[in-house]
């Protein structure tokens, strides 16, 4: 994958294992507070109390709420990034089956973690410029990974579209529709039916009439 924009969180602790453990502890506590109270109503003191890390000691690992929100996004990205890596690396698979499997696994992930996904995609606007740029660069790379699969499918005659970049952006958005818009249709469909509908819509957008 192309190199993503990087934004480092500066810490006062040199031991990487300790830093990672504390970051995970902070992220878990902050994620619950962000979901319940929102980003602005969550204080560093509240995160300190929820994480069990003394406030003054907390600043050894993060300098601000922005750092925490950014780390929260990175954690979610790291947990699902393997799916995008598969799109990049699995070049000999049936593009239709590969896309269907990608959709299935991604939707299952967002279903299990919809509150966290909602938090990051609604609160990311509060990130500072460097953090936001890093996040948007990762999101752009995700779209590029999907676009590479779509382009490969077009070359092999599985997909038909004049705008693979646009379709890839739409696919990425549709995969996030449950945490973003699920309140409006969750009572209408089971998760299984919801997944079937999303998959069908995406395949129709690529003019897939039958599997080859």
C-alpha atoms as a PDB file:
ATOM      1  CA  UNK A   1       0.000   0.000   0.000  1.00  0.00           C
ATOM      2  CA  UNK A   2       1.095   3.564  -0.580  1.00  0.00           C
ATOM      3  CA  UNK A   3       2.611   5.338   2.374  1.00  0.00           C
ATOM      4  CA  UNK A   4      -0.055   6.985   4.482  1.00  0.00           C
ATOM      5  CA  UNK A   5       0.251  10.417   6.023  1.00  0.00           C
ATOM      6  CA  UNK A   6       1.683  10.062   9.492  1.00  0.00           C
ATOM      7  CA  UNK A   7       1.022  12.032  12.630  1.00  0.00           C
ATOM      8  CA  UNK A   8       2.967  10.933  15.668  1.00  0.00           C
ATOM      9  CA  UNK A   9       1.628  11.152  19.191  1.00  0.00           C
ATOM     10  CA  UNK A  10       4.511  12.401  21.315  1.00  0.00           C
ATOM     11  CA  UNK A  11       4.959  10.624  24.657  1.00  0.00           C
ATOM     12  CA  UNK A  12       7.309  11.098  27.592  1.00  0.00           C
ATOM     13  CA  UNK A  13       7.748   7.350  28.031  1.00  0.00           C
ATOM     14  CA  UNK A  14      10.387   5.501  26.023  1.00  0.00           C
ATOM     15  CA  UNK A  15       9.162   1.914  26.492  1.00  0.00           C
ATOM     16  CA  UNK A  16       6.988   1.141  23.458  1.00  0.00           C
ATOM     17  CA  UNK A  17       5.224  -1.818  25.100  1.00  0.00           C
ATOM     18  CA  UNK A  18       4.180   0.278  28.082  1.00  0.00           C
ATOM     19  CA  UNK A  19       3.060   3.111  25.797  1.00  0.00           C
ATOM     20  CA  UNK A  20       0.913   0.761  23.697  1.00  0.00           C
ATOM     21  CA  UNK A  21      -0.674  -0.789  26.793  1.00  0.00           C
ATOM     22  CA  UNK A  22      -1.499   2.617  28.251  1.00  0.00           C
ATOM     23  CA  UNK A  23      -2.766   3.926  24.915  1.00  0.00           C
ATOM     24  CA  UNK A  24      -5.141   0.953  24.654  1.00  0.00           C
ATOM     25  CA  UNK A  25      -6.326   1.619  28.207  1.00  0.00           C
ATOM     26  CA  UNK A  26      -6.908   5.295  27.435  1.00  0.00           C
ATOM     27  CA  UNK A  27      -8.649   4.562  24.123  1.00  0.00           C
ATOM     28  CA  UNK A  28     -11.110   2.119  25.697  1.00  0.00           C
ATOM     29  CA  UNK A  29     -12.088   4.576  28.409  1.00  0.00           C
ATOM     30  CA  UNK A  30     -12.295   7.554  26.060  1.00  0.00           C
ATOM     31  CA  UNK A  31     -14.295   5.625  23.456  1.00  0.00           C
ATOM     32  CA  UNK A  32     -17.021   4.834  25.977  1.00  0.00           C
ATOM     33  CA  UNK A  33     -17.161   8.453  27.133  1.00  0.00           C
ATOM     34  CA  UNK A  34     -17.202   9.841  23.585  1.00  0.00           C
ATOM     35  CA  UNK A  35     -20.121   7.535  22.734  1.00  0.00           C
ATOM     36  CA  UNK A  36     -22.090   8.510  25.842  1.00  0.00           C
ATOM     37  CA  UNK A  37     -21.303  12.198  26.224  1.00  0.00           C
ATOM     38  CA  UNK A  38     -19.835  13.327  22.908  1.00  0.00           C
ATOM     39  CA  UNK A  39     -16.350  14.643  22.241  1.00  0.00           C
ATOM     40  CA  UNK A  40     -16.774  18.178  23.581  1.00  0.00           C
ATOM     41  CA  UNK A  41     -18.471  17.093  26.813  1.00  0.00           C
ATOM     42  CA  UNK A  42     -15.733  14.601  27.598  1.00  0.00           C
ATOM     43  CA  UNK A  43     -12.891  16.055  29.640  1.00  0.00           C
ATOM     44  CA  UNK A  44      -9.336  14.852  30.129  1.00  0.00           C
ATOM     45  CA  UNK A  45     -10.167  14.531  33.832  1.00  0.00           C
ATOM     46  CA  UNK A  46     -13.099  12.283  32.954  1.00  0.00           C
ATOM     47  CA  UNK A  47     -10.870  10.138  30.750  1.00  0.00           C
ATOM     48  CA  UNK A  48      -8.339   9.982  33.565  1.00  0.00           C
ATOM     49  CA  UNK A  49     -10.960   8.730  36.018  1.00  0.00           C
ATOM     50  CA  UNK A  50     -12.477   6.232  33.559  1.00  0.00           C
ATOM     51  CA  UNK A  51      -9.085   4.829  32.554  1.00  0.00           C
ATOM     52  CA  UNK A  52      -7.725   4.668  36.093  1.00  0.00           C
ATOM     53  CA  UNK A  53      -4.680   6.694  35.085  1.00  0.00           C
ATOM     54  CA  UNK A  54      -3.788   9.716  37.207  1.00  0.00           C
ATOM     55  CA  UNK A  55      -4.415  12.951  35.287  1.00  0.00           C
ATOM     56  CA  UNK A  56      -0.852  14.214  35.539  1.00  0.00           C
ATOM     57  CA  UNK A  57       0.436  10.788  34.493  1.00  0.00           C
ATOM     58  CA  UNK A  58      -2.044  10.697  31.599  1.00  0.00           C
ATOM     59  CA  UNK A  59      -0.156  13.578  30.008  1.00  0.00           C
ATOM     60  CA  UNK A  60       2.931  11.387  29.831  1.00  0.00           C
ATOM     61  CA  UNK A  61       1.156   9.401  27.092  1.00  0.00           C
ATOM     62  CA  UNK A  62      -1.012  11.962  25.297  1.00  0.00           C
ATOM     63  CA  UNK A  63      -0.941  15.734  25.143  1.00  0.00           C
ATOM     64  CA  UNK A  64      -4.616  16.397  24.397  1.00  0.00           C
ATOM     65  CA  UNK A  65      -8.036  14.974  23.555  1.00  0.00           C
ATOM     66  CA  UNK A  66      -7.063  15.357  19.916  1.00  0.00           C
ATOM     67  CA  UNK A  67      -4.299  12.786  20.446  1.00  0.00           C
ATOM     68  CA  UNK A  68      -6.809  10.420  22.019  1.00  0.00           C
ATOM     69  CA  UNK A  69      -9.383  10.812  19.243  1.00  0.00           C
ATOM     70  CA  UNK A  70      -6.657  10.249  16.662  1.00  0.00           C
ATOM     71  CA  UNK A  71      -5.413   7.129  18.474  1.00  0.00           C
ATOM     72  CA  UNK A  72      -9.021   5.936  18.707  1.00  0.00           C
ATOM     73  CA  UNK A  73      -9.319   6.182  14.927  1.00  0.00           C
ATOM     74  CA  UNK A  74      -5.976   4.409  14.385  1.00  0.00           C
ATOM     75  CA  UNK A  75      -7.084   1.539  16.613  1.00  0.00           C
ATOM     76  CA  UNK A  76     -10.232   0.967  14.555  1.00  0.00           C
ATOM     77  CA  UNK A  77      -8.196   1.281  11.357  1.00  0.00           C
ATOM     78  CA  UNK A  78      -5.610  -1.257  12.523  1.00  0.00           C
ATOM     79  CA  UNK A  79      -8.327  -3.754  13.465  1.00  0.00           C
ATOM     80  CA  UNK A  80      -9.851  -3.754   9.973  1.00  0.00           C
ATOM     81  CA  UNK A  81      -6.911  -2.840   7.754  1.00  0.00           C
ATOM     82  CA  UNK A  82      -6.235  -6.496   6.921  1.00  0.00           C
ATOM     83  CA  UNK A  83      -9.348  -6.482   4.716  1.00  0.00           C
ATOM     84  CA  UNK A  84      -7.921  -3.707   2.555  1.00  0.00           C
ATOM     85  CA  UNK A  85      -4.554  -5.445   2.440  1.00  0.00           C
ATOM     86  CA  UNK A  86      -6.306  -8.518   1.070  1.00  0.00           C
ATOM     87  CA  UNK A  87      -7.764  -6.405  -1.728  1.00  0.00           C
ATOM     88  CA  UNK A  88      -4.264  -5.202  -2.550  1.00  0.00           C
ATOM     89  CA  UNK A  89      -2.537  -8.588  -2.358  1.00  0.00           C
ATOM     90  CA  UNK A  90      -5.074 -11.143  -3.641  1.00  0.00           C
ATOM     91  CA  UNK A  91      -4.793 -10.506  -7.357  1.00  0.00           C
ATOM     92  CA  UNK A  92      -5.688 -13.973  -8.634  1.00  0.00           C
ATOM     93  CA  UNK A  93      -9.053 -14.423  -6.930  1.00  0.00           C
ATOM     94  CA  UNK A  94     -12.458 -14.078  -8.579  1.00  0.00           C
ATOM     95  CA  UNK A  95     -13.141 -10.296  -8.250  1.00  0.00           C
ATOM     96  CA  UNK A  96     -16.839 -10.839  -7.571  1.00  0.00           C
ATOM     97  CA  UNK A  97     -16.268 -13.335  -4.781  1.00  0.00           C
ATOM     98  CA  UNK A  98     -13.479 -11.209  -3.369  1.00  0.00           C
ATOM     99  CA  UNK A  99     -15.723  -8.137  -3.301  1.00  0.00           C
ATOM    100  CA  UNK A 100     -18.610 -10.058  -1.734  1.00  0.00           C
ATOM    101  CA  UNK A 101     -16.353 -11.453   0.969  1.00  0.00           C
ATOM    102  CA  UNK A 102     -14.913  -8.003   1.651  1.00  0.00           C
ATOM    103  CA  UNK A 103     -18.419  -6.526   2.004  1.00  0.00           C
ATOM    104  CA  UNK A 104     -19.546  -9.344   4.304  1.00  0.00           C
ATOM    105  CA  UNK A 105     -16.580  -9.090   6.675  1.00  0.00           C
ATOM    106  CA  UNK A 106     -16.606  -5.291   6.740  1.00  0.00           C
ATOM    107  CA  UNK A 107     -20.324  -5.127   7.528  1.00  0.00           C
ATOM    108  CA  UNK A 108     -19.920  -7.698  10.294  1.00  0.00           C
ATOM    109  CA  UNK A 109     -17.138  -5.601  11.793  1.00  0.00           C
ATOM    110  CA  UNK A 110     -19.111  -2.351  11.678  1.00  0.00           C
ATOM    111  CA  UNK A 111     -22.189  -4.124  13.089  1.00  0.00           C
ATOM    112  CA  UNK A 112     -20.247  -5.285  16.135  1.00  0.00           C
ATOM    113  CA  UNK A 113     -18.569  -1.915  16.648  1.00  0.00           C
ATOM    114  CA  UNK A 114     -21.170   0.489  15.290  1.00  0.00           C
ATOM    115  CA  UNK A 115     -21.049   2.786  18.333  1.00  0.00           C
ATOM    116  CA  UNK A 116     -17.286   3.208  17.985  1.00  0.00           C
ATOM    117  CA  UNK A 117     -17.564   3.717  14.232  1.00  0.00           C
ATOM    118  CA  UNK A 118     -20.266   6.333  14.712  1.00  0.00           C
ATOM    119  CA  UNK A 119     -18.113   8.160  17.229  1.00  0.00           C
ATOM    120  CA  UNK A 120     -15.066   8.452  15.010  1.00  0.00           C
ATOM    121  CA  UNK A 121     -16.941   9.456  11.864  1.00  0.00           C
ATOM    122  CA  UNK A 122     -19.069  12.072  13.595  1.00  0.00           C
ATOM    123  CA  UNK A 123     -16.370  13.461  15.880  1.00  0.00           C
ATOM    124  CA  UNK A 124     -13.385  13.407  13.496  1.00  0.00           C
ATOM    125  CA  UNK A 125     -14.251  16.955  12.389  1.00  0.00           C
ATOM    126  CA  UNK A 126     -12.877  18.079  15.755  1.00  0.00           C
ATOM    127  CA  UNK A 127      -9.368  16.794  14.998  1.00  0.00           C
ATOM    128  CA  UNK A 128      -6.653  19.363  14.495  1.00  0.00           C
ATOM    129  CA  UNK A 129      -5.256  19.921  11.022  1.00  0.00           C
ATOM    130  CA  UNK A 130      -2.404  17.389  11.167  1.00  0.00           C
ATOM    131  CA  UNK A 131      -4.537  14.649  12.688  1.00  0.00           C
ATOM    132  CA  UNK A 132      -7.386  15.254  10.268  1.00  0.00           C
ATOM    133  CA  UNK A 133      -5.029  15.193   7.293  1.00  0.00           C
ATOM    134  CA  UNK A 134      -3.585  11.864   8.463  1.00  0.00           C
ATOM    135  CA  UNK A 135      -7.076  10.391   8.884  1.00  0.00           C
ATOM    136  CA  UNK A 136      -8.265  11.631   5.487  1.00  0.00           C
ATOM    137  CA  UNK A 137      -5.137  10.200   3.869  1.00  0.00           C
ATOM    138  CA  UNK A 138      -5.920   6.780   5.334  1.00  0.00           C
ATOM    139  CA  UNK A 139      -9.517   7.041   4.125  1.00  0.00           C
ATOM    140  CA  UNK A 140      -8.293   7.980   0.656  1.00  0.00           C
ATOM    141  CA  UNK A 141      -5.999   4.946   0.611  1.00  0.00           C
ATOM    142  CA  UNK A 142      -8.942   2.728   1.548  1.00  0.00           C
ATOM    143  CA  UNK A 143     -10.846   3.970  -1.470  1.00  0.00           C
ATOM    144  CA  UNK A 144      -7.802   3.333  -3.667  1.00  0.00           C
ATOM    145  CA  UNK A 145      -7.656  -0.272  -2.451  1.00  0.00           C
ATOM    146  CA  UNK A 146     -11.283  -0.801  -3.457  1.00  0.00           C
ATOM    147  CA  UNK A 147     -10.683   0.973  -6.761  1.00  0.00           C
ATOM    148  CA  UNK A 148      -7.812  -1.384  -7.600  1.00  0.00           C
ATOM    149  CA  UNK A 149     -10.127  -4.362  -7.149  1.00  0.00           C
ATOM    150  CA  UNK A 150     -12.837  -2.718  -9.248  1.00  0.00           C
ATOM    151  CA  UNK A 151     -10.338  -1.871 -12.016  1.00  0.00           C
ATOM    152  CA  UNK A 152      -9.049  -5.438 -12.022  1.00  0.00           C
ATOM    153  CA  UNK A 153     -12.625  -6.702 -12.254  1.00  0.00           C
ATOM    154  CA  UNK A 154     -13.300  -4.376 -15.187  1.00  0.00           C
ATOM    155  CA  UNK A 155     -10.214  -5.627 -17.027  1.00  0.00           C
ATOM    156  CA  UNK A 156     -11.324  -9.228 -16.557  1.00  0.00           C
ATOM    157  CA  UNK A 157     -14.893  -8.498 -17.660  1.00  0.00           C
ATOM    158  CA  UNK A 158     -16.579  -9.036 -14.301  1.00  0.00           C
ATOM    159  CA  UNK A 159     -17.556  -5.411 -13.634  1.00  0.00           C
ATOM    160  CA  UNK A 160     -18.813  -2.599 -15.844  1.00  0.00           C
ATOM    161  CA  UNK A 161     -18.588   1.063 -14.880  1.00  0.00           C
ATOM    162  CA  UNK A 162     -17.203   4.207 -16.467  1.00  0.00           C
ATOM    163  CA  UNK A 163     -16.239   5.686 -13.079  1.00  0.00           C
ATOM    164  CA  UNK A 164     -14.429   3.156 -10.860  1.00  0.00           C
ATOM    165  CA  UNK A 165     -13.177   5.935  -8.577  1.00  0.00           C
ATOM    166  CA  UNK A 166     -16.684   7.252  -7.948  1.00  0.00           C
ATOM    167  CA  UNK A 167     -18.095   3.761  -7.432  1.00  0.00           C
ATOM    168  CA  UNK A 168     -15.280   2.965  -4.994  1.00  0.00           C
ATOM    169  CA  UNK A 169     -16.081   6.069  -2.946  1.00  0.00           C
ATOM    170  CA  UNK A 170     -19.755   5.117  -2.869  1.00  0.00           C
ATOM    171  CA  UNK A 171     -18.914   1.570  -1.791  1.00  0.00           C
ATOM    172  CA  UNK A 172     -16.773   2.867   1.070  1.00  0.00           C
ATOM    173  CA  UNK A 173     -19.656   5.080   2.204  1.00  0.00           C
ATOM    174  CA  UNK A 174     -22.241   2.310   1.912  1.00  0.00           C
ATOM    175  CA  UNK A 175     -20.141   0.050   4.099  1.00  0.00           C
ATOM    176  CA  UNK A 176     -20.444   2.655   6.870  1.00  0.00           C
ATOM    177  CA  UNK A 177     -24.150   3.281   6.476  1.00  0.00           C
ATOM    178  CA  UNK A 178     -25.272   1.188   9.453  1.00  0.00           C
ATOM    179  CA  UNK A 179     -23.437   3.222  12.113  1.00  0.00           C
ATOM    180  CA  UNK A 180     -24.250   6.478  10.295  1.00  0.00           C
ATOM    181  CA  UNK A 181     -27.857   5.849   9.248  1.00  0.00           C
ATOM    182  CA  UNK A 182     -28.860   2.615  10.955  1.00  0.00           C
ATOM    183  CA  UNK A 183     -31.276   4.407  13.272  1.00  0.00           C
ATOM    184  CA  UNK A 184     -33.559   4.964  10.282  1.00  0.00           C
ATOM    185  CA  UNK A 185     -33.809   1.391   9.005  1.00  0.00           C
ATOM    186  CA  UNK A 186     -32.519  -0.952  11.709  1.00  0.00           C
ATOM    187  CA  UNK A 187     -36.058  -1.830  12.806  1.00  0.00           C
ATOM    188  CA  UNK A 188     -37.017  -2.721   9.213  1.00  0.00           C
ATOM    189  CA  UNK A 189     -34.392  -5.391   8.479  1.00  0.00           C
ATOM    190  CA  UNK A 190     -32.475  -8.127  10.185  1.00  0.00           C
ATOM    191  CA  UNK A 191     -28.707  -7.736   9.915  1.00  0.00           C
ATOM    192  CA  UNK A 192     -28.597 -10.646   7.462  1.00  0.00           C
ATOM    193  CA  UNK A 193     -31.164  -9.012   5.206  1.00  0.00           C
ATOM    194  CA  UNK A 194     -29.419  -5.656   5.510  1.00  0.00           C
ATOM    195  CA  UNK A 195     -26.128  -7.238   4.388  1.00  0.00           C
ATOM    196  CA  UNK A 196     -27.852  -8.897   1.424  1.00  0.00           C
ATOM    197  CA  UNK A 197     -29.373  -5.601   0.305  1.00  0.00           C
ATOM    198  CA  UNK A 198     -26.087  -3.699   0.563  1.00  0.00           C
ATOM    199  CA  UNK A 199     -24.258  -6.412  -1.369  1.00  0.00           C
ATOM    200  CA  UNK A 200     -26.957  -6.478  -4.050  1.00  0.00           C
ATOM    201  CA  UNK A 201     -26.876  -2.688  -4.453  1.00  0.00           C
ATOM    202  CA  UNK A 202     -23.093  -2.664  -4.846  1.00  0.00           C
ATOM    203  CA  UNK A 203     -23.085  -5.497  -7.383  1.00  0.00           C
ATOM    204  CA  UNK A 204     -25.828  -3.803  -9.398  1.00  0.00           C
ATOM    205  CA  UNK A 205     -23.805  -0.574  -9.401  1.00  0.00           C
ATOM    206  CA  UNK A 206     -21.036  -2.601 -11.055  1.00  0.00           C
ATOM    207  CA  UNK A 207     -23.476  -4.161 -13.531  1.00  0.00           C
ATOM    208  CA  UNK A 208     -22.919  -7.680 -12.202  1.00  0.00           C
ATOM    209  CA  UNK A 209     -25.788  -9.736 -13.614  1.00  0.00           C
ATOM    210  CA  UNK A 210     -24.503 -13.209 -12.831  1.00  0.00           C
ATOM    211  CA  UNK A 211     -21.372 -14.815 -11.519  1.00  0.00           C
ATOM    212  CA  UNK A 212     -18.895 -16.102 -14.075  1.00  0.00           C
END
